[in-house]
N, C-alpha and C. Protein backbone atom coordinates (compact mmCIF):
# COMPACT_ATOMS: atom_id res chain seq x y z
N MET A 1 17.88 -7.43 31.00
CA MET A 1 17.48 -8.57 30.22
C MET A 1 16.22 -8.21 29.43
N PRO A 2 16.20 -8.50 28.16
CA PRO A 2 14.99 -8.22 27.39
C PRO A 2 13.87 -9.19 27.76
N GLY A 3 12.63 -8.76 27.58
CA GLY A 3 11.49 -9.64 27.77
C GLY A 3 10.88 -9.65 29.15
N PHE A 4 11.32 -8.78 30.01
CA PHE A 4 10.78 -8.75 31.37
C PHE A 4 9.91 -7.51 31.61
N ASP A 5 9.25 -7.05 30.55
CA ASP A 5 8.35 -5.91 30.71
C ASP A 5 7.17 -6.25 31.61
N ARG A 6 6.79 -7.53 31.59
CA ARG A 6 5.70 -8.00 32.43
C ARG A 6 6.16 -9.25 33.15
N LEU A 7 5.89 -9.32 34.43
CA LEU A 7 6.23 -10.51 35.20
C LEU A 7 5.12 -11.53 35.00
N ILE A 8 5.45 -12.65 34.39
CA ILE A 8 4.42 -13.61 33.99
C ILE A 8 4.04 -14.59 35.11
N THR A 9 4.76 -14.60 36.20
CA THR A 9 4.47 -15.57 37.26
C THR A 9 3.62 -15.01 38.39
N LEU A 10 3.31 -13.75 38.37
CA LEU A 10 2.61 -13.15 39.51
C LEU A 10 1.27 -13.81 39.80
N ASP A 11 0.55 -14.23 38.77
CA ASP A 11 -0.74 -14.89 38.97
C ASP A 11 -0.59 -16.34 39.39
N ALA A 12 0.61 -16.89 39.28
CA ALA A 12 0.84 -18.30 39.60
C ALA A 12 1.39 -18.50 41.01
N ASN A 13 1.48 -17.45 41.78
CA ASN A 13 2.00 -17.54 43.14
C ASN A 13 0.86 -17.42 44.14
N ALA A 14 1.07 -17.97 45.32
CA ALA A 14 0.04 -17.93 46.36
C ALA A 14 0.28 -16.78 47.32
N ILE A 15 0.67 -15.63 46.79
CA ILE A 15 0.92 -14.47 47.63
C ILE A 15 0.32 -13.24 46.96
N LYS A 16 0.19 -12.21 47.74
CA LYS A 16 -0.18 -10.91 47.20
C LYS A 16 1.07 -10.05 47.31
N GLU A 17 1.76 -9.93 46.20
CA GLU A 17 2.99 -9.16 46.19
C GLU A 17 2.69 -7.70 46.46
N LEU A 18 3.61 -7.04 47.13
CA LEU A 18 3.49 -5.61 47.37
C LEU A 18 4.11 -4.86 46.19
N PRO A 19 3.63 -3.67 45.90
CA PRO A 19 4.15 -2.92 44.75
C PRO A 19 5.67 -2.77 44.75
N HIS A 20 6.27 -2.51 45.92
CA HIS A 20 7.72 -2.32 45.93
C HIS A 20 8.45 -3.63 45.61
N GLN A 21 7.87 -4.78 45.96
CA GLN A 21 8.50 -6.06 45.65
C GLN A 21 8.47 -6.32 44.14
N ILE A 22 7.38 -5.98 43.51
CA ILE A 22 7.28 -6.12 42.05
C ILE A 22 8.26 -5.18 41.36
N ASP A 23 8.35 -3.94 41.85
CA ASP A 23 9.28 -2.97 41.27
C ASP A 23 10.72 -3.46 41.36
N VAL A 24 11.09 -3.99 42.53
CA VAL A 24 12.46 -4.49 42.71
C VAL A 24 12.73 -5.64 41.74
N ALA A 25 11.82 -6.60 41.67
CA ALA A 25 12.01 -7.75 40.78
C ALA A 25 12.15 -7.30 39.33
N GLN A 26 11.29 -6.39 38.89
CA GLN A 26 11.37 -5.90 37.52
C GLN A 26 12.68 -5.17 37.26
N ARG A 27 13.11 -4.36 38.20
CA ARG A 27 14.36 -3.62 38.03
C ARG A 27 15.55 -4.58 37.93
N VAL A 28 15.58 -5.57 38.80
CA VAL A 28 16.68 -6.55 38.78
C VAL A 28 16.69 -7.31 37.46
N LEU A 29 15.54 -7.73 37.00
CA LEU A 29 15.47 -8.52 35.77
C LEU A 29 15.70 -7.68 34.52
N ARG A 30 15.16 -6.48 34.47
CA ARG A 30 15.26 -5.63 33.28
C ARG A 30 16.60 -4.93 33.18
N GLN A 31 17.04 -4.33 34.27
CA GLN A 31 18.18 -3.42 34.22
C GLN A 31 19.48 -4.01 34.75
N MET A 32 19.41 -5.07 35.52
CA MET A 32 20.61 -5.59 36.16
C MET A 32 20.96 -7.00 35.70
N GLY A 33 20.30 -7.48 34.68
CA GLY A 33 20.62 -8.80 34.15
C GLY A 33 20.39 -9.94 35.14
N GLY A 34 19.50 -9.72 36.10
CA GLY A 34 19.21 -10.75 37.09
C GLY A 34 20.19 -10.80 38.24
N ARG A 35 21.16 -9.87 38.26
CA ARG A 35 22.17 -9.86 39.32
C ARG A 35 22.00 -8.61 40.17
N ALA A 36 21.91 -8.82 41.48
CA ALA A 36 21.70 -7.67 42.36
C ALA A 36 21.98 -8.04 43.80
N ILE A 37 22.20 -7.03 44.60
CA ILE A 37 22.23 -7.18 46.05
C ILE A 37 20.95 -6.53 46.55
N LEU A 38 20.11 -7.32 47.20
CA LEU A 38 18.86 -6.80 47.77
C LEU A 38 19.15 -6.42 49.20
N ALA A 39 19.06 -5.15 49.49
CA ALA A 39 19.44 -4.66 50.82
C ALA A 39 18.35 -3.82 51.46
N ASP A 40 17.11 -4.23 51.26
CA ASP A 40 15.99 -3.52 51.90
C ASP A 40 16.08 -3.68 53.41
N GLU A 41 15.34 -2.85 54.11
CA GLU A 41 15.29 -2.96 55.57
C GLU A 41 14.60 -4.27 55.96
N VAL A 42 14.83 -4.68 57.19
CA VAL A 42 14.23 -5.89 57.74
C VAL A 42 12.71 -5.80 57.60
N GLY A 43 12.10 -6.88 57.13
CA GLY A 43 10.65 -6.96 57.05
C GLY A 43 10.03 -6.46 55.77
N LEU A 44 10.83 -5.98 54.82
CA LEU A 44 10.25 -5.47 53.57
C LEU A 44 10.10 -6.55 52.50
N GLY A 45 10.58 -7.76 52.77
CA GLY A 45 10.30 -8.86 51.86
C GLY A 45 11.39 -9.21 50.87
N LYS A 46 12.65 -9.21 51.32
CA LYS A 46 13.74 -9.59 50.42
C LYS A 46 13.60 -11.04 49.95
N THR A 47 13.13 -11.92 50.84
CA THR A 47 12.94 -13.32 50.47
C THR A 47 11.89 -13.42 49.36
N ILE A 48 10.82 -12.68 49.47
CA ILE A 48 9.78 -12.67 48.44
C ILE A 48 10.34 -12.10 47.14
N GLU A 49 11.09 -11.00 47.23
CA GLU A 49 11.68 -10.40 46.03
C GLU A 49 12.60 -11.40 45.32
N ALA A 50 13.47 -12.05 46.08
CA ALA A 50 14.39 -13.03 45.50
C ALA A 50 13.63 -14.20 44.90
N SER A 51 12.56 -14.61 45.56
CA SER A 51 11.75 -15.73 45.06
C SER A 51 11.02 -15.37 43.77
N ILE A 52 10.52 -14.14 43.69
CA ILE A 52 9.87 -13.69 42.45
C ILE A 52 10.89 -13.71 41.31
N ILE A 53 12.08 -13.20 41.57
CA ILE A 53 13.14 -13.18 40.55
C ILE A 53 13.47 -14.60 40.11
N TYR A 54 13.65 -15.50 41.09
CA TYR A 54 13.92 -16.91 40.76
C TYR A 54 12.81 -17.47 39.87
N LYS A 55 11.56 -17.30 40.30
CA LYS A 55 10.42 -17.91 39.60
C LYS A 55 10.32 -17.38 38.17
N GLU A 56 10.55 -16.08 37.98
CA GLU A 56 10.52 -15.51 36.62
C GLU A 56 11.59 -16.13 35.75
N LEU A 57 12.79 -16.27 36.29
CA LEU A 57 13.88 -16.88 35.52
C LEU A 57 13.59 -18.35 35.24
N ALA A 58 13.07 -19.05 36.25
CA ALA A 58 12.81 -20.49 36.10
C ALA A 58 11.73 -20.76 35.06
N ILE A 59 10.64 -20.01 35.11
CA ILE A 59 9.52 -20.26 34.19
C ILE A 59 9.93 -20.00 32.74
N ARG A 60 10.94 -19.16 32.56
CA ARG A 60 11.43 -18.84 31.21
C ARG A 60 12.60 -19.74 30.81
N GLY A 61 12.91 -20.73 31.65
CA GLY A 61 13.99 -21.67 31.33
C GLY A 61 15.38 -21.12 31.57
N LEU A 62 15.49 -20.03 32.32
CA LEU A 62 16.79 -19.39 32.55
C LEU A 62 17.41 -19.75 33.90
N ALA A 63 16.68 -20.48 34.72
CA ALA A 63 17.21 -20.90 36.03
C ALA A 63 16.76 -22.34 36.29
N ARG A 64 17.35 -23.24 35.53
CA ARG A 64 17.01 -24.66 35.73
C ARG A 64 17.70 -25.21 36.97
N ARG A 65 18.86 -24.69 37.26
CA ARG A 65 19.60 -25.12 38.45
C ARG A 65 19.77 -23.91 39.36
N ALA A 66 19.23 -23.99 40.56
CA ALA A 66 19.25 -22.86 41.49
C ALA A 66 19.75 -23.32 42.86
N LEU A 67 20.60 -22.49 43.44
CA LEU A 67 21.19 -22.77 44.75
C LEU A 67 20.94 -21.58 45.66
N ILE A 68 20.43 -21.86 46.85
CA ILE A 68 20.22 -20.82 47.85
C ILE A 68 21.10 -21.14 49.04
N LEU A 69 21.97 -20.20 49.40
CA LEU A 69 22.84 -20.32 50.57
C LEU A 69 22.28 -19.42 51.65
N THR A 70 22.11 -19.96 52.85
CA THR A 70 21.45 -19.22 53.92
C THR A 70 21.96 -19.70 55.27
N PRO A 71 21.80 -18.92 56.32
CA PRO A 71 22.13 -19.45 57.65
C PRO A 71 21.30 -20.71 57.93
N ALA A 72 21.86 -21.62 58.70
CA ALA A 72 21.19 -22.89 58.99
C ALA A 72 19.79 -22.69 59.55
N SER A 73 19.62 -21.67 60.36
CA SER A 73 18.32 -21.43 60.99
C SER A 73 17.23 -21.04 59.99
N LEU A 74 17.60 -20.69 58.77
CA LEU A 74 16.63 -20.25 57.77
C LEU A 74 16.40 -21.25 56.63
N VAL A 75 17.10 -22.38 56.64
CA VAL A 75 16.94 -23.37 55.57
C VAL A 75 15.48 -23.81 55.46
N GLY A 76 14.89 -24.22 56.56
CA GLY A 76 13.49 -24.68 56.55
C GLY A 76 12.52 -23.58 56.17
N GLN A 77 12.81 -22.36 56.60
CA GLN A 77 11.94 -21.23 56.25
C GLN A 77 11.94 -21.00 54.74
N TRP A 78 13.12 -21.01 54.13
CA TRP A 78 13.21 -20.85 52.68
C TRP A 78 12.45 -21.97 51.98
N GLN A 79 12.67 -23.21 52.41
CA GLN A 79 11.96 -24.33 51.78
C GLN A 79 10.45 -24.16 51.89
N GLY A 80 9.99 -23.82 53.08
CA GLY A 80 8.56 -23.65 53.30
C GLY A 80 7.95 -22.55 52.46
N GLU A 81 8.61 -21.39 52.43
CA GLU A 81 8.08 -20.26 51.66
C GLU A 81 8.06 -20.57 50.16
N LEU A 82 9.13 -21.18 49.67
CA LEU A 82 9.16 -21.50 48.24
C LEU A 82 8.08 -22.51 47.86
N GLU A 83 7.84 -23.48 48.74
CA GLU A 83 6.83 -24.49 48.42
C GLU A 83 5.41 -23.94 48.60
N GLU A 84 5.16 -23.26 49.70
CA GLU A 84 3.81 -22.78 49.99
C GLU A 84 3.39 -21.60 49.13
N LYS A 85 4.32 -20.70 48.86
CA LYS A 85 3.97 -19.47 48.17
C LYS A 85 4.28 -19.48 46.68
N PHE A 86 5.26 -20.30 46.27
CA PHE A 86 5.68 -20.30 44.87
C PHE A 86 5.57 -21.68 44.22
N PHE A 87 5.11 -22.67 44.98
CA PHE A 87 4.91 -24.03 44.47
C PHE A 87 6.19 -24.62 43.89
N GLU A 88 7.30 -24.32 44.55
CA GLU A 88 8.62 -24.81 44.14
C GLU A 88 9.21 -25.63 45.27
N ARG A 89 9.65 -26.84 44.94
CA ARG A 89 10.26 -27.71 45.94
C ARG A 89 11.78 -27.65 45.82
N PHE A 90 12.42 -27.19 46.87
CA PHE A 90 13.87 -27.13 46.94
C PHE A 90 14.35 -28.17 47.94
N GLU A 91 15.37 -28.93 47.56
CA GLU A 91 15.96 -29.94 48.45
C GLU A 91 16.93 -29.26 49.41
N ALA A 92 17.18 -29.93 50.52
CA ALA A 92 18.20 -29.47 51.48
C ALA A 92 19.17 -30.63 51.69
N PRO A 93 20.13 -30.80 50.77
CA PRO A 93 21.02 -31.95 50.82
C PRO A 93 21.82 -32.01 52.14
N THR A 94 21.85 -33.20 52.72
CA THR A 94 22.61 -33.39 53.96
C THR A 94 23.83 -34.28 53.72
N ASP A 95 23.78 -35.07 52.66
CA ASP A 95 24.89 -35.96 52.32
C ASP A 95 25.53 -35.45 51.03
N PRO A 96 26.84 -35.40 50.95
CA PRO A 96 27.48 -34.91 49.72
C PRO A 96 27.04 -35.66 48.46
N ASP A 97 26.70 -36.94 48.59
CA ASP A 97 26.25 -37.70 47.42
C ASP A 97 24.91 -37.21 46.88
N ASP A 98 24.13 -36.53 47.71
CA ASP A 98 22.82 -36.01 47.28
C ASP A 98 22.94 -35.01 46.13
N TRP A 99 24.08 -34.34 46.03
CA TRP A 99 24.23 -33.27 45.04
C TRP A 99 24.19 -33.78 43.60
N GLN A 100 24.41 -35.07 43.40
CA GLN A 100 24.40 -35.62 42.04
C GLN A 100 23.06 -35.43 41.35
N HIS A 101 21.97 -35.43 42.12
CA HIS A 101 20.64 -35.41 41.53
C HIS A 101 19.86 -34.12 41.82
N VAL A 102 20.45 -33.22 42.55
CA VAL A 102 19.74 -32.01 42.97
C VAL A 102 19.86 -30.92 41.91
N THR A 103 18.73 -30.31 41.57
CA THR A 103 18.76 -29.17 40.65
C THR A 103 18.31 -27.88 41.33
N LYS A 104 17.60 -28.02 42.46
CA LYS A 104 17.17 -26.85 43.23
C LYS A 104 17.45 -27.17 44.70
N ALA A 105 18.33 -26.35 45.31
CA ALA A 105 18.75 -26.67 46.67
C ALA A 105 18.82 -25.44 47.55
N VAL A 106 18.52 -25.67 48.83
CA VAL A 106 18.74 -24.68 49.88
C VAL A 106 19.71 -25.33 50.85
N VAL A 107 20.81 -24.65 51.13
CA VAL A 107 21.82 -25.23 52.01
C VAL A 107 22.40 -24.13 52.89
N SER A 108 22.79 -24.52 54.09
CA SER A 108 23.36 -23.54 55.01
C SER A 108 24.75 -23.12 54.55
N HIS A 109 25.13 -21.91 54.94
CA HIS A 109 26.47 -21.42 54.63
C HIS A 109 27.51 -22.41 55.13
N ASP A 110 27.35 -22.87 56.37
CA ASP A 110 28.34 -23.77 56.96
C ASP A 110 28.44 -25.09 56.20
N ARG A 111 27.31 -25.67 55.86
CA ARG A 111 27.35 -26.94 55.12
C ARG A 111 27.99 -26.73 53.75
N ALA A 112 27.67 -25.64 53.08
CA ALA A 112 28.24 -25.37 51.76
C ALA A 112 29.75 -25.18 51.84
N ARG A 113 30.25 -24.69 52.97
CA ARG A 113 31.69 -24.48 53.14
C ARG A 113 32.43 -25.76 53.51
N SER A 114 31.72 -26.76 54.01
CA SER A 114 32.41 -27.99 54.39
C SER A 114 33.05 -28.60 53.14
N ARG A 115 34.22 -29.16 53.30
CA ARG A 115 35.02 -29.60 52.16
C ARG A 115 34.24 -30.51 51.21
N ARG A 116 33.60 -31.54 51.73
CA ARG A 116 32.92 -32.51 50.86
C ARG A 116 31.72 -31.89 50.14
N HIS A 117 30.96 -31.07 50.82
CA HIS A 117 29.81 -30.42 50.17
C HIS A 117 30.30 -29.37 49.17
N ALA A 118 31.31 -28.60 49.54
CA ALA A 118 31.82 -27.57 48.64
C ALA A 118 32.31 -28.19 47.33
N GLU A 119 33.01 -29.30 47.42
CA GLU A 119 33.48 -29.97 46.20
C GLU A 119 32.32 -30.36 45.30
N GLU A 120 31.28 -30.91 45.87
CA GLU A 120 30.12 -31.33 45.08
C GLU A 120 29.36 -30.13 44.51
N ILE A 121 29.19 -29.10 45.31
CA ILE A 121 28.49 -27.90 44.84
C ILE A 121 29.24 -27.28 43.66
N LEU A 122 30.56 -27.21 43.77
CA LEU A 122 31.37 -26.58 42.73
C LEU A 122 31.48 -27.42 41.46
N ARG A 123 31.14 -28.68 41.52
CA ARG A 123 31.16 -29.54 40.32
C ARG A 123 30.05 -29.16 39.34
N HIS A 124 29.05 -28.49 39.82
CA HIS A 124 27.87 -28.20 39.01
C HIS A 124 27.83 -26.74 38.58
N HIS A 125 27.18 -26.52 37.45
CA HIS A 125 26.90 -25.16 36.98
C HIS A 125 25.56 -24.75 37.58
N TRP A 126 25.52 -23.60 38.23
CA TRP A 126 24.28 -23.08 38.81
C TRP A 126 23.84 -21.89 37.98
N ASP A 127 22.62 -21.91 37.51
CA ASP A 127 22.08 -20.80 36.74
C ASP A 127 21.79 -19.60 37.63
N LEU A 128 21.44 -19.87 38.88
CA LEU A 128 21.12 -18.80 39.83
C LEU A 128 21.62 -19.20 41.20
N VAL A 129 22.30 -18.28 41.86
CA VAL A 129 22.72 -18.48 43.25
C VAL A 129 22.20 -17.30 44.05
N ILE A 130 21.47 -17.61 45.11
CA ILE A 130 20.96 -16.59 46.03
C ILE A 130 21.70 -16.78 47.34
N VAL A 131 22.30 -15.71 47.84
CA VAL A 131 23.00 -15.77 49.13
C VAL A 131 22.23 -14.90 50.11
N ASP A 132 21.55 -15.55 51.03
CA ASP A 132 20.79 -14.85 52.06
C ASP A 132 21.73 -14.52 53.21
N GLU A 133 21.54 -13.35 53.80
CA GLU A 133 22.40 -12.91 54.91
C GLU A 133 23.87 -12.92 54.48
N ALA A 134 24.14 -12.41 53.28
CA ALA A 134 25.49 -12.44 52.72
C ALA A 134 26.50 -11.68 53.59
N HIS A 135 26.02 -10.73 54.37
CA HIS A 135 26.93 -9.97 55.23
C HIS A 135 27.59 -10.85 56.29
N LYS A 136 27.05 -12.05 56.50
CA LYS A 136 27.64 -12.96 57.49
C LYS A 136 28.78 -13.79 56.91
N ILE A 137 28.99 -13.68 55.60
CA ILE A 137 30.07 -14.42 54.96
C ILE A 137 31.24 -13.47 54.81
N LYS A 138 32.38 -13.90 55.28
CA LYS A 138 33.57 -13.05 55.24
C LYS A 138 34.52 -13.54 54.15
N SER A 139 35.61 -12.83 53.96
CA SER A 139 36.61 -13.21 52.97
C SER A 139 37.26 -14.53 53.38
N HIS A 140 38.03 -15.10 52.45
CA HIS A 140 38.69 -16.38 52.74
C HIS A 140 39.68 -16.27 53.90
N ARG A 141 40.04 -15.06 54.27
CA ARG A 141 40.93 -14.87 55.42
C ARG A 141 40.13 -14.75 56.72
N GLY A 142 38.81 -14.56 56.59
CA GLY A 142 37.95 -14.38 57.75
C GLY A 142 37.58 -15.70 58.40
N ALA A 143 37.02 -15.60 59.58
CA ALA A 143 36.71 -16.78 60.37
C ALA A 143 35.56 -17.60 59.79
N THR A 144 34.65 -17.00 59.05
CA THR A 144 33.49 -17.76 58.60
C THR A 144 33.54 -18.13 57.12
N TYR A 145 34.65 -17.94 56.45
CA TYR A 145 34.73 -18.23 55.03
C TYR A 145 34.45 -19.69 54.75
């Protein structure tokens, strides 16, 4: 994507990014069109990397609607980190009717797969979808699809 020579949101976050996190975000935005699988080792900051990428796209008007799919045990963690470190409030819809007004959401894999939530999620266009722990999602023939 053109225009990502400099990350403009780094000074607007409440974190001290590590050099490798900045490098990953720049590479994803510049060379991969914002699409990537982040597969760093545990503890290297994939959540921070994904959040930097989201924030850069959002501040430039390229991610007005964002959806984060994550295991249920991490929904609150994602919400907390995005709010505390990136000053972004993401909703965690519990009722299918909530999706009508949500533009930024964090939802568990299981809730997103439930028929009523899936229908509502799929009704909307999402500018950015982040799938945390994607290895836990199997094909439609698998048990956790």
